[in-house]
Amino acid sequence: MAEIKVRVGQQPAVKVISSLAGAQGLSLAELSDVSASNLQNGMVLVYNSSIRKWEATLTLTPGATQNLDINGGNF
């Protein structure tokens, strides 16, 4: 991937301030599209399209069909 550098104005400075700049201690569970309760070691976030949220789970493929294809890309 190409590295792109851009300068706006004469002096290097922050041009865009995050809307979360004042937020401290934000966790994933506080996001509106994440369901993370009763957390345990080894859990991962898996998207559940029926509730439109990411769920913390130990099971990557819920339900009766336990198939999962992982494409790690080409190297």
PDB file of N, CA and C in Angstrom:
ATOM      1  N   MET A   1       0.846  -1.166   0.000  1.00  0.00           N
ATOM      2  CA  MET A   1       0.000   0.000   0.000  1.00  0.00           C
ATOM      3  C   MET A   1       0.894   1.233   0.000  1.00  0.00           C
ATOM      4  N   ALA A   2       0.557   2.198  -0.793  1.00  0.00           N
ATOM      5  CA  ALA A   2       1.349   3.417  -0.895  1.00  0.00           C
ATOM      6  C   ALA A   2       1.130   4.301   0.326  1.00  0.00           C
ATOM      7  N   GLU A   3       2.196   4.965   0.741  1.00  0.00           N
ATOM      8  CA  GLU A   3       2.092   5.917   1.844  1.00  0.00           C
ATOM      9  C   GLU A   3       1.829   7.291   1.265  1.00  0.00           C
ATOM     10  N   ILE A   4       0.778   7.934   1.720  1.00  0.00           N
ATOM     11  CA  ILE A   4       0.387   9.241   1.202  1.00  0.00           C
ATOM     12  C   ILE A   4       0.540  10.264   2.306  1.00  0.00           C
ATOM     13  N   LYS A   5       1.302  11.312   2.044  1.00  0.00           N
ATOM     14  CA  LYS A   5       1.475  12.379   3.011  1.00  0.00           C
ATOM     15  C   LYS A   5       0.874  13.653   2.442  1.00  0.00           C
ATOM     16  N   VAL A   6       0.137  14.365   3.264  1.00  0.00           N
ATOM     17  CA  VAL A   6      -0.526  15.588   2.839  1.00  0.00           C
ATOM     18  C   VAL A   6      -0.254  16.668   3.870  1.00  0.00           C
ATOM     19  N   ARG A   7       0.010  17.874   3.419  1.00  0.00           N
ATOM     20  CA  ARG A   7       0.192  19.013   4.320  1.00  0.00           C
ATOM     21  C   ARG A   7      -0.817  20.080   3.930  1.00  0.00           C
ATOM     22  N   VAL A   8      -1.545  20.554   4.930  1.00  0.00           N
ATOM     23  CA  VAL A   8      -2.510  21.634   4.719  1.00  0.00           C
ATOM     24  C   VAL A   8      -2.006  22.818   5.516  1.00  0.00           C
ATOM     25  N   GLY A   9      -1.643  23.878   4.842  1.00  0.00           N
ATOM     26  CA  GLY A   9      -1.101  25.051   5.528  1.00  0.00           C
ATOM     27  C   GLY A   9       0.404  24.955   5.680  1.00  0.00           C
ATOM     28  N   GLN A  10       1.001  25.947   6.302  1.00  0.00           N
ATOM     29  CA  GLN A  10       2.456  26.023   6.436  1.00  0.00           C
ATOM     30  C   GLN A  10       2.994  25.252   7.637  1.00  0.00           C
ATOM     31  N   GLN A  11       2.234  25.171   8.711  1.00  0.00           N
ATOM     32  CA  GLN A  11       2.699  24.534   9.933  1.00  0.00           C
ATOM     33  C   GLN A  11       2.023  23.174  10.131  1.00  0.00           C
ATOM     34  N   PRO A  12       2.791  22.168  10.552  1.00  0.00           N
ATOM     35  CA  PRO A  12       2.150  20.896  10.876  1.00  0.00           C
ATOM     36  C   PRO A  12       1.258  21.072  12.104  1.00  0.00           C
ATOM     37  N   ALA A  13       0.033  20.668  12.015  1.00  0.00           N
ATOM     38  CA  ALA A  13      -0.905  20.796  13.126  1.00  0.00           C
ATOM     39  C   ALA A  13      -2.061  19.829  12.919  1.00  0.00           C
ATOM     40  N   VAL A  14      -2.758  19.522  13.990  1.00  0.00           N
ATOM     41  CA  VAL A  14      -3.939  18.675  13.900  1.00  0.00           C
ATOM     42  C   VAL A  14      -5.052  19.486  13.248  1.00  0.00           C
ATOM     43  N   LYS A  15      -5.586  18.985  12.153  1.00  0.00           N
ATOM     44  CA  LYS A  15      -6.623  19.700  11.414  1.00  0.00           C
ATOM     45  C   LYS A  15      -8.018  19.163  11.723  1.00  0.00           C
ATOM     46  N   VAL A  16      -8.106  17.908  12.156  1.00  0.00           N
ATOM     47  CA  VAL A  16      -9.395  17.298  12.469  1.00  0.00           C
ATOM     48  C   VAL A  16      -9.306  16.748  13.885  1.00  0.00           C
ATOM     49  N   ILE A  17     -10.207  17.174  14.729  1.00  0.00           N
ATOM     50  CA  ILE A  17     -10.225  16.704  16.105  1.00  0.00           C
ATOM     51  C   ILE A  17     -11.331  15.668  16.242  1.00  0.00           C
ATOM     52  N   SER A  18     -11.004  14.551  16.841  1.00  0.00           N
ATOM     53  CA  SER A  18     -11.981  13.487  17.035  1.00  0.00           C
ATOM     54  C   SER A  18     -13.112  13.958  17.929  1.00  0.00           C
ATOM     55  N   SER A  19     -14.311  13.492  17.637  1.00  0.00           N
ATOM     56  CA  SER A  19     -15.448  13.829  18.500  1.00  0.00           C
ATOM     57  C   SER A  19     -15.344  13.111  19.832  1.00  0.00           C
ATOM     58  N   LEU A  20     -14.461  12.107  19.919  1.00  0.00           N
ATOM     59  CA  LEU A  20     -14.251  11.376  21.167  1.00  0.00           C
ATOM     60  C   LEU A  20     -13.019  11.865  21.906  1.00  0.00           C
ATOM     61  N   ALA A  21     -12.504  13.028  21.518  1.00  0.00           N
ATOM     62  CA  ALA A  21     -11.265  13.533  22.108  1.00  0.00           C
ATOM     63  C   ALA A  21     -11.356  13.659  23.620  1.00  0.00           C
ATOM     64  N   GLY A  22     -12.525  14.000  24.151  1.00  0.00           N
ATOM     65  CA  GLY A  22     -12.677  14.154  25.589  1.00  0.00           C
ATOM     66  C   GLY A  22     -13.107  12.875  26.289  1.00  0.00           C
ATOM     67  N   ALA A  23     -13.464  11.849  25.524  1.00  0.00           N
ATOM     68  CA  ALA A  23     -13.935  10.606  26.125  1.00  0.00           C
ATOM     69  C   ALA A  23     -12.769   9.807  26.684  1.00  0.00           C
ATOM     70  N   GLN A  24     -12.957   9.304  27.871  1.00  0.00           N
ATOM     71  CA  GLN A  24     -11.938   8.470  28.488  1.00  0.00           C
ATOM     72  C   GLN A  24     -12.605   7.215  29.020  1.00  0.00           C
ATOM     73  N   GLY A  25     -11.915   6.118  28.923  1.00  0.00           N
ATOM     74  CA  GLY A  25     -12.435   4.874  29.465  1.00  0.00           C
ATOM     75  C   GLY A  25     -13.542   4.250  28.645  1.00  0.00           C
ATOM     76  N   LEU A  26     -13.643   4.562  27.359  1.00  0.00           N
ATOM     77  CA  LEU A  26     -14.665   3.975  26.494  1.00  0.00           C
ATOM     78  C   LEU A  26     -14.315   2.520  26.232  1.00  0.00           C
ATOM     79  N   SER A  27     -15.292   1.637  26.349  1.00  0.00           N
ATOM     80  CA  SER A  27     -15.055   0.219  26.090  1.00  0.00           C
ATOM     81  C   SER A  27     -15.945  -0.244  24.935  1.00  0.00           C
ATOM     82  N   LEU A  28     -15.621  -1.398  24.364  1.00  0.00           N
ATOM     83  CA  LEU A  28     -16.421  -1.942  23.265  1.00  0.00           C
ATOM     84  C   LEU A  28     -17.866  -2.170  23.684  1.00  0.00           C
ATOM     85  N   ALA A  29     -18.083  -2.607  24.909  1.00  0.00           N
ATOM     86  CA  ALA A  29     -19.433  -2.901  25.387  1.00  0.00           C
ATOM     87  C   ALA A  29     -20.319  -1.657  25.421  1.00  0.00           C
ATOM     88  N   GLU A  30     -19.714  -0.475  25.427  1.00  0.00           N
ATOM     89  CA  GLU A  30     -20.482   0.766  25.457  1.00  0.00           C
ATOM     90  C   GLU A  30     -20.962   1.196  24.069  1.00  0.00           C
ATOM     91  N   LEU A  31     -20.471   0.570  23.011  1.00  0.00           N
ATOM     92  CA  LEU A  31     -20.906   0.911  21.656  1.00  0.00           C
ATOM     93  C   LEU A  31     -22.309   0.365  21.412  1.00  0.00           C
ATOM     94  N   SER A  32     -23.104   1.107  20.651  1.00  0.00           N
ATOM     95  CA  SER A  32     -24.501   0.728  20.444  1.00  0.00           C
ATOM     96  C   SER A  32     -24.677  -0.528  19.596  1.00  0.00           C
ATOM     97  N   ASP A  33     -23.677  -0.903  18.799  1.00  0.00           N
ATOM     98  CA  ASP A  33     -23.817  -2.086  17.951  1.00  0.00           C
ATOM     99  C   ASP A  33     -22.983  -3.268  18.442  1.00  0.00           C
ATOM    100  N   VAL A  34     -22.683  -3.294  19.748  1.00  0.00           N
ATOM    101  CA  VAL A  34     -21.916  -4.389  20.339  1.00  0.00           C
ATOM    102  C   VAL A  34     -22.674  -4.935  21.538  1.00  0.00           C
ATOM    103  N   SER A  35     -22.813  -6.245  21.585  1.00  0.00           N
ATOM    104  CA  SER A  35     -23.420  -6.922  22.723  1.00  0.00           C
ATOM    105  C   SER A  35     -22.321  -7.725  23.403  1.00  0.00           C
ATOM    106  N   ALA A  36     -21.839  -7.223  24.524  1.00  0.00           N
ATOM    107  CA  ALA A  36     -20.724  -7.891  25.212  1.00  0.00           C
ATOM    108  C   ALA A  36     -21.021  -7.944  26.708  1.00  0.00           C
ATOM    109  N   SER A  37     -21.529  -9.082  27.146  1.00  0.00           N
ATOM    110  CA  SER A  37     -21.783  -9.267  28.570  1.00  0.00           C
ATOM    111  C   SER A  37     -21.237 -10.631  28.981  1.00  0.00           C
ATOM    112  N   ASN A  38     -21.001 -10.810  30.265  1.00  0.00           N
ATOM    113  CA  ASN A  38     -20.439 -12.066  30.798  1.00  0.00           C
ATOM    114  C   ASN A  38     -19.176 -12.464  30.037  1.00  0.00           C
ATOM    115  N   LEU A  39     -18.261 -11.518  29.885  1.00  0.00           N
ATOM    116  CA  LEU A  39     -17.047 -11.750  29.103  1.00  0.00           C
ATOM    117  C   LEU A  39     -16.157 -12.807  29.734  1.00  0.00           C
ATOM    118  N   GLN A  40     -15.501 -13.590  28.856  1.00  0.00           N
ATOM    119  CA  GLN A  40     -14.575 -14.642  29.265  1.00  0.00           C
ATOM    120  C   GLN A  40     -13.332 -14.568  28.394  1.00  0.00           C
ATOM    121  N   ASN A  41     -12.243 -15.121  28.881  1.00  0.00           N
ATOM    122  CA  ASN A  41     -11.021 -15.197  28.074  1.00  0.00           C
ATOM    123  C   ASN A  41     -11.286 -15.985  26.804  1.00  0.00           C
ATOM    124  N   GLY A  42     -10.728 -15.529  25.695  1.00  0.00           N
ATOM    125  CA  GLY A  42     -10.843 -16.222  24.418  1.00  0.00           C
ATOM    126  C   GLY A  42     -12.029 -15.816  23.574  1.00  0.00           C
ATOM    127  N   MET A  43     -12.895 -14.953  24.075  1.00  0.00           N
ATOM    128  CA  MET A  43     -14.059 -14.537  23.289  1.00  0.00           C
ATOM    129  C   MET A  43     -13.638 -13.669  22.111  1.00  0.00           C
ATOM    130  N   VAL A  44     -14.419 -13.748  21.029  1.00  0.00           N
ATOM    131  CA  VAL A  44     -14.215 -12.922  19.843  1.00  0.00           C
ATOM    132  C   VAL A  44     -15.538 -12.253  19.501  1.00  0.00           C
ATOM    133  N   LEU A  45     -15.475 -11.184  18.708  1.00  0.00           N
ATOM    134  CA  LEU A  45     -16.698 -10.528  18.254  1.00  0.00           C
ATOM    135  C   LEU A  45     -17.140 -11.146  16.930  1.00  0.00           C
ATOM    136  N   VAL A  46     -18.399 -11.578  16.870  1.00  0.00           N
ATOM    137  CA  VAL A  46     -18.992 -12.176  15.676  1.00  0.00           C
ATOM    138  C   VAL A  46     -20.263 -11.398  15.364  1.00  0.00           C
ATOM    139  N   TYR A  47     -20.426 -10.997  14.097  1.00  0.00           N
ATOM    140  CA  TYR A  47     -21.604 -10.205  13.716  1.00  0.00           C
ATOM    141  C   TYR A  47     -22.842 -11.091  13.629  1.00  0.00           C
ATOM    142  N   ASN A  48     -23.928 -10.643  14.241  1.00  0.00           N
ATOM    143  CA  ASN A  48     -25.211 -11.331  14.202  1.00  0.00           C
ATOM    144  C   ASN A  48     -26.174 -10.449  13.416  1.00  0.00           C
ATOM    145  N   SER A  49     -26.457 -10.826  12.176  1.00  0.00           N
ATOM    146  CA  SER A  49     -27.276  -9.982  11.300  1.00  0.00           C
ATOM    147  C   SER A  49     -28.734  -9.915  11.745  1.00  0.00           C
ATOM    148  N   SER A  50     -29.219 -10.897  12.506  1.00  0.00           N
ATOM    149  CA  SER A  50     -30.619 -10.858  12.934  1.00  0.00           C
ATOM    150  C   SER A  50     -30.865  -9.757  13.972  1.00  0.00           C
ATOM    151  N   ILE A  51     -29.857  -9.435  14.792  1.00  0.00           N
ATOM    152  CA  ILE A  51     -30.023  -8.346  15.764  1.00  0.00           C
ATOM    153  C   ILE A  51     -29.184  -7.125  15.390  1.00  0.00           C
ATOM    154  N   ARG A  52     -28.440  -7.243  14.300  1.00  0.00           N
ATOM    155  CA  ARG A  52     -27.602  -6.157  13.782  1.00  0.00           C
ATOM    156  C   ARG A  52     -26.601  -5.657  14.825  1.00  0.00           C
ATOM    157  N   LYS A  53     -25.961  -6.613  15.485  1.00  0.00           N
ATOM    158  CA  LYS A  53     -24.950  -6.272  16.487  1.00  0.00           C
ATOM    159  C   LYS A  53     -23.799  -7.263  16.432  1.00  0.00           C
ATOM    160  N   TRP A  54     -22.646  -6.797  16.911  1.00  0.00           N
ATOM    161  CA  TRP A  54     -21.507  -7.667  17.129  1.00  0.00           C
ATOM    162  C   TRP A  54     -21.683  -8.290  18.504  1.00  0.00           C
ATOM    163  N   GLU A  55     -21.521  -9.605  18.596  1.00  0.00           N
ATOM    164  CA  GLU A  55     -21.688 -10.303  19.859  1.00  0.00           C
ATOM    165  C   GLU A  55     -20.367 -10.922  20.298  1.00  0.00           C
ATOM    166  N   ALA A  56     -20.066 -10.802  21.576  1.00  0.00           N
ATOM    167  CA  ALA A  56     -18.906 -11.475  22.140  1.00  0.00           C
ATOM    168  C   ALA A  56     -19.294 -12.933  22.374  1.00  0.00           C
ATOM    169  N   THR A  57     -18.523 -13.848  21.803  1.00  0.00           N
ATOM    170  CA  THR A  57     -18.882 -15.263  21.886  1.00  0.00           C
ATOM    171  C   THR A  57     -17.636 -16.139  21.847  1.00  0.00           C
ATOM    172  N   LEU A  58     -17.793 -17.363  22.296  1.00  0.00           N
ATOM    173  CA  LEU A  58     -16.738 -18.370  22.175  1.00  0.00           C
ATOM    174  C   LEU A  58     -16.996 -19.268  20.966  1.00  0.00           C
ATOM    175  N   THR A  59     -18.178 -19.126  20.335  1.00  0.00           N
ATOM    176  CA  THR A  59     -18.564 -19.936  19.190  1.00  0.00           C
ATOM    177  C   THR A  59     -18.545 -19.066  17.932  1.00  0.00           C
ATOM    178  N   LEU A  60     -17.718 -19.438  16.955  1.00  0.00           N
ATOM    179  CA  LEU A  60     -17.618 -18.629  15.740  1.00  0.00           C
ATOM    180  C   LEU A  60     -18.805 -18.809  14.809  1.00  0.00           C
ATOM    181  N   THR A  61     -19.391 -19.993  14.782  1.00  0.00           N
ATOM    182  CA  THR A  61     -20.521 -20.241  13.889  1.00  0.00           C
ATOM    183  C   THR A  61     -21.688 -20.796  14.700  1.00  0.00           C
ATOM    184  N   PRO A  62     -22.556 -19.929  15.213  1.00  0.00           N
ATOM    185  CA  PRO A  62     -23.694 -20.404  16.005  1.00  0.00           C
ATOM    186  C   PRO A  62     -24.711 -21.152  15.154  1.00  0.00           C
ATOM    187  N   GLY A  63     -25.541 -21.933  15.784  1.00  0.00           N
ATOM    188  CA  GLY A  63     -26.593 -22.658  15.083  1.00  0.00           C
ATOM    189  C   GLY A  63     -26.184 -24.070  14.722  1.00  0.00           C
ATOM    190  N   ALA A  64     -27.027 -24.720  13.911  1.00  0.00           N
ATOM    191  CA  ALA A  64     -26.806 -26.122  13.553  1.00  0.00           C
ATOM    192  C   ALA A  64     -25.699 -26.291  12.519  1.00  0.00           C
ATOM    193  N   THR A  65     -25.542 -25.326  11.608  1.00  0.00           N
ATOM    194  CA  THR A  65     -24.530 -25.424  10.561  1.00  0.00           C
ATOM    195  C   THR A  65     -23.214 -24.870  11.093  1.00  0.00           C
ATOM    196  N   GLN A  66     -22.261 -25.733  11.314  1.00  0.00           N
ATOM    197  CA  GLN A  66     -20.984 -25.336  11.895  1.00  0.00           C
ATOM    198  C   GLN A  66     -19.898 -25.287  10.815  1.00  0.00           C
ATOM    199  N   ASN A  67     -20.087 -24.469   9.789  1.00  0.00           N
ATOM    200  CA  ASN A  67     -19.066 -24.324   8.750  1.00  0.00           C
ATOM    201  C   ASN A  67     -18.583 -22.880   8.737  1.00  0.00           C
ATOM    202  N   LEU A  68     -17.296 -22.717   8.556  1.00  0.00           N
ATOM    203  CA  LEU A  68     -16.712 -21.381   8.565  1.00  0.00           C
ATOM    204  C   LEU A  68     -15.517 -21.360   7.627  1.00  0.00           C
ATOM    205  N   ASP A  69     -15.543 -20.483   6.643  1.00  0.00           N
ATOM    206  CA  ASP A  69     -14.413 -20.297   5.729  1.00  0.00           C
ATOM    207  C   ASP A  69     -13.687 -19.038   6.143  1.00  0.00           C
ATOM    208  N   ILE A  70     -12.379 -19.158   6.348  1.00  0.00           N
ATOM    209  CA  ILE A  70     -11.568 -17.990   6.693  1.00  0.00           C
ATOM    210  C   ILE A  70     -10.574 -17.771   5.576  1.00  0.00           C
ATOM    211  N   ASN A  71     -10.655 -16.598   4.952  1.00  0.00           N
ATOM    212  CA  ASN A  71      -9.725 -16.229   3.882  1.00  0.00           C
ATOM    213  C   ASN A  71      -8.699 -15.314   4.479  1.00  0.00           C
ATOM    214  N   GLY A  72      -7.468 -15.789   4.618  1.00  0.00           N
ATOM    215  CA  GLY A  72      -6.392 -14.998   5.202  1.00  0.00           C
ATOM    216  C   GLY A  72      -5.677 -14.121   4.190  1.00  0.00           C
ATOM    217  N   GLY A  73      -6.120 -14.108   2.947  1.00  0.00           N
ATOM    218  CA  GLY A  73      -5.498 -13.289   1.927  1.00  0.00           C
ATOM    219  C   GLY A  73      -4.372 -14.021   1.198  1.00  0.00           C
ATOM    220  N   ASN A  74      -3.689 -13.300   0.335  1.00  0.00           N
ATOM    221  CA  ASN A  74      -2.583 -13.866  -0.442  1.00  0.00           C
ATOM    222  C   ASN A  74      -1.299 -13.205  -0.025  1.00  0.00           C
ATOM    223  N   PHE A  75      -0.274 -13.984   0.162  1.00  0.00           N
ATOM    224  CA  PHE A  75       1.017 -13.451   0.580  1.00  0.00           C
ATOM    225  C   PHE A  75       2.111 -13.921  -0.339  1.00  0.00           C
TER     226      PHE A  75
END
